[in-house]
PDB file of N, CA and C in Angstrom:
ATOM      1  N   MET A   1      13.225   5.185   3.872  1.00  0.00           N
ATOM      2  CA  MET A   1      13.478   3.771   4.003  1.00  0.00           C
ATOM      3  C   MET A   1      13.360   3.132   2.632  1.00  0.00           C
ATOM      4  N   SER A   2      14.212   2.165   2.351  1.00  0.00           N
ATOM      5  CA  SER A   2      14.154   1.489   1.069  1.00  0.00           C
ATOM      6  C   SER A   2      14.282  -0.010   1.249  1.00  0.00           C
ATOM      7  N   LEU A   3      13.828  -0.724   0.261  1.00  0.00           N
ATOM      8  CA  LEU A   3      13.943  -2.168   0.236  1.00  0.00           C
ATOM      9  C   LEU A   3      14.954  -2.540  -0.824  1.00  0.00           C
ATOM     10  N   VAL A   4      15.563  -3.654  -0.662  1.00  0.00           N
ATOM     11  CA  VAL A   4      16.446  -4.159  -1.702  1.00  0.00           C
ATOM     12  C   VAL A   4      15.812  -5.427  -2.239  1.00  0.00           C
ATOM     13  N   MET A   5      15.533  -5.423  -3.532  1.00  0.00           N
ATOM     14  CA  MET A   5      14.942  -6.582  -4.185  1.00  0.00           C
ATOM     15  C   MET A   5      15.983  -7.208  -5.095  1.00  0.00           C
ATOM     16  N   LEU A   6      15.880  -8.493  -5.263  1.00  0.00           N
ATOM     17  CA  LEU A   6      16.772  -9.185  -6.181  1.00  0.00           C
ATOM     18  C   LEU A   6      16.009  -9.487  -7.459  1.00  0.00           C
ATOM     19  N   ASN A   7      16.483  -8.981  -8.558  1.00  0.00           N
ATOM     20  CA  ASN A   7      15.906  -9.241  -9.869  1.00  0.00           C
ATOM     21  C   ASN A   7      17.020  -9.701 -10.779  1.00  0.00           C
ATOM     22  N   ASP A   8      16.967 -10.964 -11.201  1.00  0.00           N
ATOM     23  CA  ASP A   8      17.996 -11.504 -12.088  1.00  0.00           C
ATOM     24  C   ASP A   8      19.400 -11.239 -11.537  1.00  0.00           C
ATOM     25  N   ASP A   9      19.567 -11.485 -10.246  1.00  0.00           N
ATOM     26  CA  ASP A   9      20.855 -11.326  -9.572  1.00  0.00           C
ATOM     27  C   ASP A   9      21.334  -9.873  -9.496  1.00  0.00           C
ATOM     28  N   LEU A  10      20.485  -8.917  -9.814  1.00  0.00           N
ATOM     29  CA  LEU A  10      20.850  -7.507  -9.679  1.00  0.00           C
ATOM     30  C   LEU A  10      20.097  -6.934  -8.496  1.00  0.00           C
ATOM     31  N   LYS A  11      20.767  -6.130  -7.707  1.00  0.00           N
ATOM     32  CA  LYS A  11      20.105  -5.485  -6.578  1.00  0.00           C
ATOM     33  C   LYS A  11      19.536  -4.158  -7.053  1.00  0.00           C
ATOM     34  N   GLU A  12      18.297  -3.947  -6.730  1.00  0.00           N
ATOM     35  CA  GLU A  12      17.621  -2.717  -7.108  1.00  0.00           C
ATOM     36  C   GLU A  12      17.056  -2.081  -5.846  1.00  0.00           C
ATOM     37  N   GLU A  13      17.436  -0.858  -5.593  1.00  0.00           N
ATOM     38  CA  GLU A  13      16.913  -0.163  -4.428  1.00  0.00           C
ATOM     39  C   GLU A  13      15.544   0.409  -4.779  1.00  0.00           C
ATOM     40  N   ILE A  14      14.555   0.014  -3.990  1.00  0.00           N
ATOM     41  CA  ILE A  14      13.190   0.470  -4.209  1.00  0.00           C
ATOM     42  C   ILE A  14      12.895   1.554  -3.177  1.00  0.00           C
ATOM     43  N   THR A  15      12.588   2.751  -3.659  1.00  0.00           N
ATOM     44  CA  THR A  15      12.287   3.879  -2.768  1.00  0.00           C
ATOM     45  C   THR A  15      10.931   4.458  -3.138  1.00  0.00           C
ATOM     46  N   ARG A  16      10.424   5.321  -2.269  1.00  0.00           N
ATOM     47  CA  ARG A  16       9.170   6.031  -2.581  1.00  0.00           C
ATOM     48  C   ARG A  16       9.298   6.737  -3.910  1.00  0.00           C
ATOM     49  N   ALA A  17      10.406   7.431  -4.073  1.00  0.00           N
ATOM     50  CA  ALA A  17      10.611   8.199  -5.300  1.00  0.00           C
ATOM     51  C   ALA A  17      10.651   7.300  -6.522  1.00  0.00           C
ATOM     52  N   SER A  18      11.305   6.146  -6.428  1.00  0.00           N
ATOM     53  CA  SER A  18      11.387   5.264  -7.599  1.00  0.00           C
ATOM     54  C   SER A  18      10.024   4.693  -7.956  1.00  0.00           C
ATOM     55  N   ILE A  19       9.205   4.383  -6.956  1.00  0.00           N
ATOM     56  CA  ILE A  19       7.853   3.883  -7.214  1.00  0.00           C
ATOM     57  C   ILE A  19       7.014   4.971  -7.875  1.00  0.00           C
ATOM     58  N   LEU A  20       7.082   6.182  -7.332  1.00  0.00           N
ATOM     59  CA  LEU A  20       6.306   7.280  -7.914  1.00  0.00           C
ATOM     60  C   LEU A  20       6.790   7.632  -9.316  1.00  0.00           C
ATOM     61  N   ASN A  21       8.090   7.633  -9.523  1.00  0.00           N
ATOM     62  CA  ASN A  21       8.631   7.926 -10.854  1.00  0.00           C
ATOM     63  C   ASN A  21       8.194   6.884 -11.874  1.00  0.00           C
ATOM     64  N   GLU A  22       8.225   5.630 -11.474  1.00  0.00           N
ATOM     65  CA  GLU A  22       7.797   4.575 -12.395  1.00  0.00           C
ATOM     66  C   GLU A  22       6.300   4.667 -12.675  1.00  0.00           C
ATOM     67  N   ALA A  23       5.511   4.986 -11.643  1.00  0.00           N
ATOM     68  CA  ALA A  23       4.066   5.152 -11.851  1.00  0.00           C
ATOM     69  C   ALA A  23       3.799   6.290 -12.833  1.00  0.00           C
ATOM     70  N   GLU A  24       4.542   7.378 -12.692  1.00  0.00           N
ATOM     71  CA  GLU A  24       4.374   8.501 -13.618  1.00  0.00           C
ATOM     72  C   GLU A  24       4.680   8.072 -15.045  1.00  0.00           C
ATOM     73  N   LYS A  25       5.732   7.320 -15.236  1.00  0.00           N
ATOM     74  CA  LYS A  25       6.080   6.844 -16.577  1.00  0.00           C
ATOM     75  C   LYS A  25       4.963   5.978 -17.152  1.00  0.00           C
ATOM     76  N   CYS A  26       4.355   5.173 -16.300  1.00  0.00           N
ATOM     77  CA  CYS A  26       3.276   4.288 -16.763  1.00  0.00           C
ATOM     78  C   CYS A  26       2.030   5.074 -17.157  1.00  0.00           C
ATOM     79  N   VAL A  27       1.554   5.925 -16.266  1.00  0.00           N
ATOM     80  CA  VAL A  27       0.268   6.574 -16.519  1.00  0.00           C
ATOM     81  C   VAL A  27       0.374   7.776 -17.445  1.00  0.00           C
ATOM     82  N   CYS A  28       1.572   8.291 -17.638  1.00  0.00           N
ATOM     83  CA  CYS A  28       1.751   9.442 -18.524  1.00  0.00           C
ATOM     84  C   CYS A  28       2.516   9.058 -19.788  1.00  0.00           C
ATOM     85  N   GLY A  29       2.761   7.791 -19.979  1.00  0.00           N
ATOM     86  CA  GLY A  29       3.588   7.377 -21.107  1.00  0.00           C
ATOM     87  C   GLY A  29       2.955   6.278 -21.921  1.00  0.00           C
ATOM     88  N   GLN A  30       3.603   5.127 -21.914  1.00  0.00           N
ATOM     89  CA  GLN A  30       3.228   4.032 -22.808  1.00  0.00           C
ATOM     90  C   GLN A  30       1.808   3.541 -22.578  1.00  0.00           C
ATOM     91  N   ARG A  31       1.385   3.405 -21.332  1.00  0.00           N
ATOM     92  CA  ARG A  31       0.029   2.894 -21.084  1.00  0.00           C
ATOM     93  C   ARG A  31      -1.020   3.832 -21.658  1.00  0.00           C
ATOM     94  N   GLU A  32      -0.773   5.125 -21.551  1.00  0.00           N
ATOM     95  CA  GLU A  32      -1.724   6.073 -22.130  1.00  0.00           C
ATOM     96  C   GLU A  32      -1.747   5.929 -23.648  1.00  0.00           C
ATOM     97  N   GLN A  33      -0.597   5.694 -24.240  1.00  0.00           N
ATOM     98  CA  GLN A  33      -0.543   5.478 -25.682  1.00  0.00           C
ATOM     99  C   GLN A  33      -1.233   4.168 -26.063  1.00  0.00           C
ATOM    100  N   ASP A  34      -1.070   3.136 -25.231  1.00  0.00           N
ATOM    101  CA  ASP A  34      -1.658   1.829 -25.524  1.00  0.00           C
ATOM    102  C   ASP A  34      -3.170   1.798 -25.314  1.00  0.00           C
ATOM    103  N   TYR A  35      -3.639   2.434 -24.240  1.00  0.00           N
ATOM    104  CA  TYR A  35      -5.029   2.293 -23.828  1.00  0.00           C
ATOM    105  C   TYR A  35      -5.849   3.573 -23.899  1.00  0.00           C
ATOM    106  N   GLY A  36      -5.252   4.680 -24.258  1.00  0.00           N
ATOM    107  CA  GLY A  36      -5.954   5.954 -24.251  1.00  0.00           C
ATOM    108  C   GLY A  36      -5.842   6.619 -22.895  1.00  0.00           C
ATOM    109  N   SER A  37      -6.458   7.778 -22.771  1.00  0.00           N
ATOM    110  CA  SER A  37      -6.354   8.520 -21.511  1.00  0.00           C
ATOM    111  C   SER A  37      -7.067   7.772 -20.391  1.00  0.00           C
ATOM    112  N   PRO A  38      -6.564   7.898 -19.166  1.00  0.00           N
ATOM    113  CA  PRO A  38      -7.256   7.271 -18.040  1.00  0.00           C
ATOM    114  C   PRO A  38      -8.706   7.744 -17.928  1.00  0.00           C
ATOM    115  N   GLU A  39      -8.934   9.029 -18.207  1.00  0.00           N
ATOM    116  CA  GLU A  39     -10.304   9.543 -18.116  1.00  0.00           C
ATOM    117  C   GLU A  39     -11.237   8.775 -19.041  1.00  0.00           C
ATOM    118  N   ASP A  40     -10.824   8.608 -20.290  1.00  0.00           N
ATOM    119  CA  ASP A  40     -11.664   7.888 -21.255  1.00  0.00           C
ATOM    120  C   ASP A  40     -11.764   6.408 -20.909  1.00  0.00           C
ATOM    121  N   ASN A  41     -10.648   5.811 -20.560  1.00  0.00           N
ATOM    122  CA  ASN A  41     -10.627   4.387 -20.244  1.00  0.00           C
ATOM    123  C   ASN A  41     -11.475   4.086 -19.014  1.00  0.00           C
ATOM    124  N   PHE A  42     -11.316   4.881 -17.954  1.00  0.00           N
ATOM    125  CA  PHE A  42     -12.081   4.640 -16.722  1.00  0.00           C
ATOM    126  C   PHE A  42     -13.563   4.943 -16.936  1.00  0.00           C
ATOM    127  N   LYS A  43     -13.872   5.886 -17.800  1.00  0.00           N
ATOM    128  CA  LYS A  43     -15.277   6.181 -18.120  1.00  0.00           C
ATOM    129  C   LYS A  43     -15.915   4.976 -18.811  1.00  0.00           C
ATOM    130  N   THR A  44     -15.192   4.359 -19.724  1.00  0.00           N
ATOM    131  CA  THR A  44     -15.692   3.166 -20.405  1.00  0.00           C
ATOM    132  C   THR A  44     -15.891   2.023 -19.420  1.00  0.00           C
ATOM    133  N   ILE A  45     -14.908   1.806 -18.548  1.00  0.00           N
ATOM    134  CA  ILE A  45     -15.018   0.751 -17.541  1.00  0.00           C
ATOM    135  C   ILE A  45     -16.202   1.018 -16.611  1.00  0.00           C
ATOM    136  N   ALA A  46     -16.364   2.266 -16.181  1.00  0.00           N
ATOM    137  CA  ALA A  46     -17.482   2.627 -15.294  1.00  0.00           C
ATOM    138  C   ALA A  46     -18.814   2.318 -15.964  1.00  0.00           C
ATOM    139  N   SER A  47     -18.918   2.621 -17.234  1.00  0.00           N
ATOM    140  CA  SER A  47     -20.147   2.348 -17.978  1.00  0.00           C
ATOM    141  C   SER A  47     -20.430   0.842 -18.047  1.00  0.00           C
ATOM    142  N   LEU A  48     -19.397   0.064 -18.295  1.00  0.00           N
ATOM    143  CA  LEU A  48     -19.573  -1.388 -18.351  1.00  0.00           C
ATOM    144  C   LEU A  48     -19.957  -1.957 -16.991  1.00  0.00           C
ATOM    145  N   TRP A  49     -19.286  -1.487 -15.928  1.00  0.00           N
ATOM    146  CA  TRP A  49     -19.627  -1.962 -14.590  1.00  0.00           C
ATOM    147  C   TRP A  49     -21.039  -1.553 -14.215  1.00  0.00           C
ATOM    148  N   THR A  50     -21.444  -0.347 -14.586  1.00  0.00           N
ATOM    149  CA  THR A  50     -22.801   0.125 -14.305  1.00  0.00           C
ATOM    150  C   THR A  50     -23.817  -0.781 -14.988  1.00  0.00           C
ATOM    151  N   SER A  51     -23.577  -1.099 -16.244  1.00  0.00           N
ATOM    152  CA  SER A  51     -24.493  -1.988 -16.979  1.00  0.00           C
ATOM    153  C   SER A  51     -24.535  -3.373 -16.352  1.00  0.00           C
ATOM    154  N   TYR A  52     -23.403  -3.867 -15.957  1.00  0.00           N
ATOM    155  CA  TYR A  52     -23.306  -5.215 -15.408  1.00  0.00           C
ATOM    156  C   TYR A  52     -23.982  -5.330 -14.042  1.00  0.00           C
ATOM    157  N   LYS A  53     -23.742  -4.345 -13.167  1.00  0.00           N
ATOM    158  CA  LYS A  53     -24.239  -4.421 -11.791  1.00  0.00           C
ATOM    159  C   LYS A  53     -25.550  -3.680 -11.554  1.00  0.00           C
ATOM    160  N   GLY A  54     -25.924  -2.779 -12.462  1.00  0.00           N
ATOM    161  CA  GLY A  54     -27.131  -1.997 -12.248  1.00  0.00           C
ATOM    162  C   GLY A  54     -26.974  -0.942 -11.165  1.00  0.00           C
ATOM    163  N   VAL A  55     -25.742  -0.591 -10.860  1.00  0.00           N
ATOM    164  CA  VAL A  55     -25.388   0.431  -9.875  1.00  0.00           C
ATOM    165  C   VAL A  55     -24.464   1.403 -10.585  1.00  0.00           C
ATOM    166  N   GLU A  56     -24.661   2.694 -10.356  1.00  0.00           N
ATOM    167  CA  GLU A  56     -23.829   3.658 -11.070  1.00  0.00           C
ATOM    168  C   GLU A  56     -22.402   3.692 -10.529  1.00  0.00           C
ATOM    169  N   PHE A  57     -21.462   3.577 -11.438  1.00  0.00           N
ATOM    170  CA  PHE A  57     -20.042   3.723 -11.143  1.00  0.00           C
ATOM    171  C   PHE A  57     -19.514   4.921 -11.907  1.00  0.00           C
ATOM    172  N   THR A  58     -18.561   5.621 -11.301  1.00  0.00           N
ATOM    173  CA  THR A  58     -17.918   6.765 -11.941  1.00  0.00           C
ATOM    174  C   THR A  58     -16.472   6.396 -12.279  1.00  0.00           C
ATOM    175  N   PRO A  59     -15.825   7.194 -13.111  1.00  0.00           N
ATOM    176  CA  PRO A  59     -14.403   6.950 -13.356  1.00  0.00           C
ATOM    177  C   PRO A  59     -13.554   6.974 -12.077  1.00  0.00           C
ATOM    178  N   VAL A  60     -13.926   7.816 -11.122  1.00  0.00           N
ATOM    179  CA  VAL A  60     -13.187   7.844  -9.846  1.00  0.00           C
ATOM    180  C   VAL A  60     -13.419   6.536  -9.092  1.00  0.00           C
ATOM    181  N   ASP A  61     -14.650   6.021  -9.123  1.00  0.00           N
ATOM    182  CA  ASP A  61     -14.914   4.715  -8.508  1.00  0.00           C
ATOM    183  C   ASP A  61     -14.008   3.641  -9.111  1.00  0.00           C
ATOM    184  N   VAL A  62     -13.871   3.682 -10.435  1.00  0.00           N
ATOM    185  CA  VAL A  62     -13.014   2.698 -11.106  1.00  0.00           C
ATOM    186  C   VAL A  62     -11.588   2.787 -10.577  1.00  0.00           C
ATOM    187  N   SER A  63     -11.057   4.003 -10.485  1.00  0.00           N
ATOM    188  CA  SER A  63      -9.676   4.137 -10.003  1.00  0.00           C
ATOM    189  C   SER A  63      -9.534   3.615  -8.579  1.00  0.00           C
ATOM    190  N   MET A  64     -10.506   3.886  -7.724  1.00  0.00           N
ATOM    191  CA  MET A  64     -10.427   3.441  -6.334  1.00  0.00           C
ATOM    192  C   MET A  64     -10.605   1.928  -6.230  1.00  0.00           C
ATOM    193  N   MET A  65     -11.479   1.363  -7.035  1.00  0.00           N
ATOM    194  CA  MET A  65     -11.677  -0.089  -6.978  1.00  0.00           C
ATOM    195  C   MET A  65     -10.469  -0.832  -7.547  1.00  0.00           C
ATOM    196  N   MET A  66      -9.838  -0.264  -8.553  1.00  0.00           N
ATOM    197  CA  MET A  66      -8.607  -0.868  -9.070  1.00  0.00           C
ATOM    198  C   MET A  66      -7.491  -0.752  -8.029  1.00  0.00           C
ATOM    199  N   ALA A  67      -7.466   0.361  -7.303  1.00  0.00           N
ATOM    200  CA  ALA A  67      -6.495   0.505  -6.216  1.00  0.00           C
ATOM    201  C   ALA A  67      -6.754  -0.555  -5.136  1.00  0.00           C
ATOM    202  N   LEU A  68      -8.022  -0.786  -4.826  1.00  0.00           N
ATOM    203  CA  LEU A  68      -8.355  -1.822  -3.837  1.00  0.00           C
ATOM    204  C   LEU A  68      -7.945  -3.212  -4.314  1.00  0.00           C
ATOM    205  N   LEU A  69      -8.056  -3.455  -5.603  1.00  0.00           N
ATOM    206  CA  LEU A  69      -7.585  -4.715  -6.167  1.00  0.00           C
ATOM    207  C   LEU A  69      -6.091  -4.878  -5.897  1.00  0.00           C
ATOM    208  N   LYS A  70      -5.336  -3.809  -6.117  1.00  0.00           N
ATOM    209  CA  LYS A  70      -3.891  -3.864  -5.869  1.00  0.00           C
ATOM    210  C   LYS A  70      -3.606  -4.057  -4.382  1.00  0.00           C
ATOM    211  N   ILE A  71      -4.369  -3.395  -3.523  1.00  0.00           N
ATOM    212  CA  ILE A  71      -4.188  -3.560  -2.075  1.00  0.00           C
ATOM    213  C   ILE A  71      -4.471  -5.005  -1.675  1.00  0.00           C
ATOM    214  N   ALA A  72      -5.499  -5.609  -2.261  1.00  0.00           N
ATOM    215  CA  ALA A  72      -5.806  -7.009  -1.963  1.00  0.00           C
ATOM    216  C   ALA A  72      -4.642  -7.909  -2.369  1.00  0.00           C
ATOM    217  N   ARG A  73      -4.058  -7.643  -3.523  1.00  0.00           N
ATOM    218  CA  ARG A  73      -2.915  -8.446  -3.966  1.00  0.00           C
ATOM    219  C   ARG A  73      -1.711  -8.237  -3.046  1.00  0.00           C
ATOM    220  N   ILE A  74      -1.481  -6.991  -2.655  1.00  0.00           N
ATOM    221  CA  ILE A  74      -0.358  -6.693  -1.755  1.00  0.00           C
ATOM    222  C   ILE A  74      -0.552  -7.391  -0.411  1.00  0.00           C
ATOM    223  N   SER A  75      -1.800  -7.457   0.050  1.00  0.00           N
ATOM    224  CA  SER A  75      -2.075  -8.036   1.366  1.00  0.00           C
ATOM    225  C   SER A  75      -1.807  -9.538   1.426  1.00  0.00           C
ATOM    226  N   THR A  76      -1.642 -10.193   0.283  1.00  0.00           N
ATOM    227  CA  THR A  76      -1.346 -11.626   0.291  1.00  0.00           C
ATOM    228  C   THR A  76       0.075 -11.909   0.749  1.00  0.00           C
ATOM    229  N   GLY A  77       0.906 -10.874   0.756  1.00  0.00           N
ATOM    230  CA  GLY A  77       2.292 -11.056   1.158  1.00  0.00           C
ATOM    231  C   GLY A  77       3.217 -11.416   0.013  1.00  0.00           C
ATOM    232  N   THR A  78       2.668 -11.495  -1.186  1.00  0.00           N
ATOM    233  CA  THR A  78       3.491 -11.854  -2.348  1.00  0.00           C
ATOM    234  C   THR A  78       3.584 -10.703  -3.342  1.00  0.00           C
ATOM    235  N   ALA A  79       3.456  -9.501  -2.843  1.00  0.00           N
ATOM    236  CA  ALA A  79       3.433  -8.321  -3.707  1.00  0.00           C
ATOM    237  C   ALA A  79       4.753  -8.141  -4.437  1.00  0.00           C
ATOM    238  N   THR A  80       4.639  -7.589  -5.622  1.00  0.00           N
ATOM    239  CA  THR A  80       5.820  -7.208  -6.394  1.00  0.00           C
ATOM    240  C   THR A  80       5.900  -5.684  -6.421  1.00  0.00           C
ATOM    241  N   LYS A  81       7.007  -5.191  -6.893  1.00  0.00           N
ATOM    242  CA  LYS A  81       7.156  -3.746  -7.049  1.00  0.00           C
ATOM    243  C   LYS A  81       6.038  -3.200  -7.930  1.00  0.00           C
ATOM    244  N   ASP A  82       5.707  -3.936  -8.980  1.00  0.00           N
ATOM    245  CA  ASP A  82       4.662  -3.484  -9.905  1.00  0.00           C
ATOM    246  C   ASP A  82       3.330  -3.254  -9.209  1.00  0.00           C
ATOM    247  N   SER A  83       3.016  -4.042  -8.187  1.00  0.00           N
ATOM    248  CA  SER A  83       1.762  -3.842  -7.456  1.00  0.00           C
ATOM    249  C   SER A  83       1.724  -2.462  -6.809  1.00  0.00           C
ATOM    250  N   PHE A  84       2.841  -2.055  -6.236  1.00  0.00           N
ATOM    251  CA  PHE A  84       2.919  -0.737  -5.609  1.00  0.00           C
ATOM    252  C   PHE A  84       2.935   0.380  -6.645  1.00  0.00           C
ATOM    253  N   VAL A  85       3.606   0.148  -7.760  1.00  0.00           N
ATOM    254  CA  VAL A  85       3.622   1.132  -8.847  1.00  0.00           C
ATOM    255  C   VAL A  85       2.210   1.329  -9.379  1.00  0.00           C
ATOM    256  N   ASP A  86       1.509   0.233  -9.634  1.00  0.00           N
ATOM    257  CA  ASP A  86       0.140   0.318 -10.139  1.00  0.00           C
ATOM    258  C   ASP A  86      -0.783   1.008  -9.142  1.00  0.00           C
ATOM    259  N   LEU A  87      -0.622   0.692  -7.858  1.00  0.00           N
ATOM    260  CA  LEU A  87      -1.434   1.334  -6.818  1.00  0.00           C
ATOM    261  C   LEU A  87      -1.244   2.844  -6.851  1.00  0.00           C
ATOM    262  N   ALA A  88      -0.003   3.294  -6.927  1.00  0.00           N
ATOM    263  CA  ALA A  88       0.277   4.735  -6.996  1.00  0.00           C
ATOM    264  C   ALA A  88      -0.326   5.334  -8.261  1.00  0.00           C
ATOM    265  N   GLY A  89      -0.234   4.615  -9.362  1.00  0.00           N
ATOM    266  CA  GLY A  89      -0.782   5.111 -10.622  1.00  0.00           C
ATOM    267  C   GLY A  89      -2.296   5.260 -10.577  1.00  0.00           C
ATOM    268  N   TYR A  90      -2.984   4.261 -10.031  1.00  0.00           N
ATOM    269  CA  TYR A  90      -4.452   4.357  -9.930  1.00  0.00           C
ATOM    270  C   TYR A  90      -4.862   5.522  -9.029  1.00  0.00           C
ATOM    271  N   ALA A  91      -4.152   5.725  -7.926  1.00  0.00           N
ATOM    272  CA  ALA A  91      -4.466   6.842  -7.030  1.00  0.00           C
ATOM    273  C   ALA A  91      -4.254   8.175  -7.738  1.00  0.00           C
ATOM    274  N   ALA A  92      -3.171   8.292  -8.477  1.00  0.00           N
ATOM    275  CA  ALA A  92      -2.888   9.541  -9.192  1.00  0.00           C
ATOM    276  C   ALA A  92      -3.942   9.816 -10.254  1.00  0.00           C
ATOM    277  N   CYS A  93      -4.308   8.788 -10.995  1.00  0.00           N
ATOM    278  CA  CYS A  93      -5.335   8.970 -12.034  1.00  0.00           C
ATOM    279  C   CYS A  93      -6.671   9.365 -11.407  1.00  0.00           C
ATOM    280  N   GLY A  94      -7.038   8.686 -10.334  1.00  0.00           N
ATOM    281  CA  GLY A  94      -8.296   9.013  -9.663  1.00  0.00           C
ATOM    282  C   GLY A  94      -8.315  10.435  -9.136  1.00  0.00           C
ATOM    283  N   GLY A  95      -7.215  10.873  -8.555  1.00  0.00           N
ATOM    284  CA  GLY A  95      -7.135  12.245  -8.051  1.00  0.00           C
ATOM    285  C   GLY A  95      -7.256  13.261  -9.159  1.00  0.00           C
ATOM    286  N   GLU A  96      -6.568  13.024 -10.257  1.00  0.00           N
ATOM    287  CA  GLU A  96      -6.639  13.962 -11.382  1.00  0.00           C
ATOM    288  C   GLU A  96      -8.053  14.028 -11.952  1.00  0.00           C
ATOM    289  N   ILE A  97      -8.677  12.865 -12.127  1.00  0.00           N
ATOM    290  CA  ILE A  97     -10.042  12.836 -12.670  1.00  0.00           C
ATOM    291  C   ILE A  97     -10.995  13.583 -11.748  1.00  0.00           C
ATOM    292  N   LYS A  98     -10.910  13.314 -10.445  1.00  0.00           N
ATOM    293  CA  LYS A  98     -11.817  13.961  -9.477  1.00  0.00           C
ATOM    294  C   LYS A  98     -11.674  15.466  -9.511  1.00  0.00           C
ATOM    295  N   PHE A  99     -10.450  15.954  -9.467  1.00  0.00           N
ATOM    296  CA  PHE A  99     -10.269  17.399  -9.379  1.00  0.00           C
ATOM    297  C   PHE A  99     -10.510  18.109 -10.701  1.00  0.00           C
ATOM    298  N   LYS A 100     -10.330  17.415 -11.810  1.00  0.00           N
ATOM    299  CA  LYS A 100     -10.720  17.993 -13.107  1.00  0.00           C
ATOM    300  C   LYS A 100     -12.225  18.159 -13.152  1.00  0.00           C
ATOM    301  N   GLU A 101     -12.971  17.149 -12.664  1.00  0.00           N
ATOM    302  CA  GLU A 101     -14.436  17.213 -12.638  1.00  0.00           C
ATOM    303  C   GLU A 101     -14.919  18.364 -11.767  1.00  0.00           C
ATOM    304  N   GLU A 102     -14.291  18.537 -10.607  1.00  0.00           N
ATOM    305  CA  GLU A 102     -14.702  19.595  -9.678  1.00  0.00           C
ATOM    306  C   GLU A 102     -14.417  20.982 -10.246  1.00  0.00           C
ATOM    307  N   ASN A 103     -13.412  21.123 -11.064  1.00  0.00           N
ATOM    308  CA  ASN A 103     -13.023  22.434 -11.612  1.00  0.00           C
ATOM    309  C   ASN A 103     -13.687  22.772 -12.943  1.00  0.00           C
ATOM    310  N   LYS A 104     -14.615  21.922 -13.379  1.00  0.00           N
ATOM    311  CA  LYS A 104     -15.321  22.216 -14.635  1.00  0.00           C
ATOM    312  C   LYS A 104     -16.336  23.314 -14.447  1.00  0.00           C
TER     313      LYS A 104
END
């Protein structure tokens, strides 16, 4: 199933594959170059959240909480394609981090 969105009078077919492909480009491309690896970035965020709240957060927690942020935005009914792309990206990063940790 696909949706048709209007962007600047152009029709763009949004599919599962297009969302996943765009998420891959984001988390394996420019964003990683801009912000560093998700593992390092989420580790830094987890450390800051731990200091702020006094509760231990892990990089996987960060990925899941960022995913929940995207779900909250989507639930407002005003979601954009980017919200779904970001959600897929956070889930992928969290999965990779978790399974890398387990295989150490």
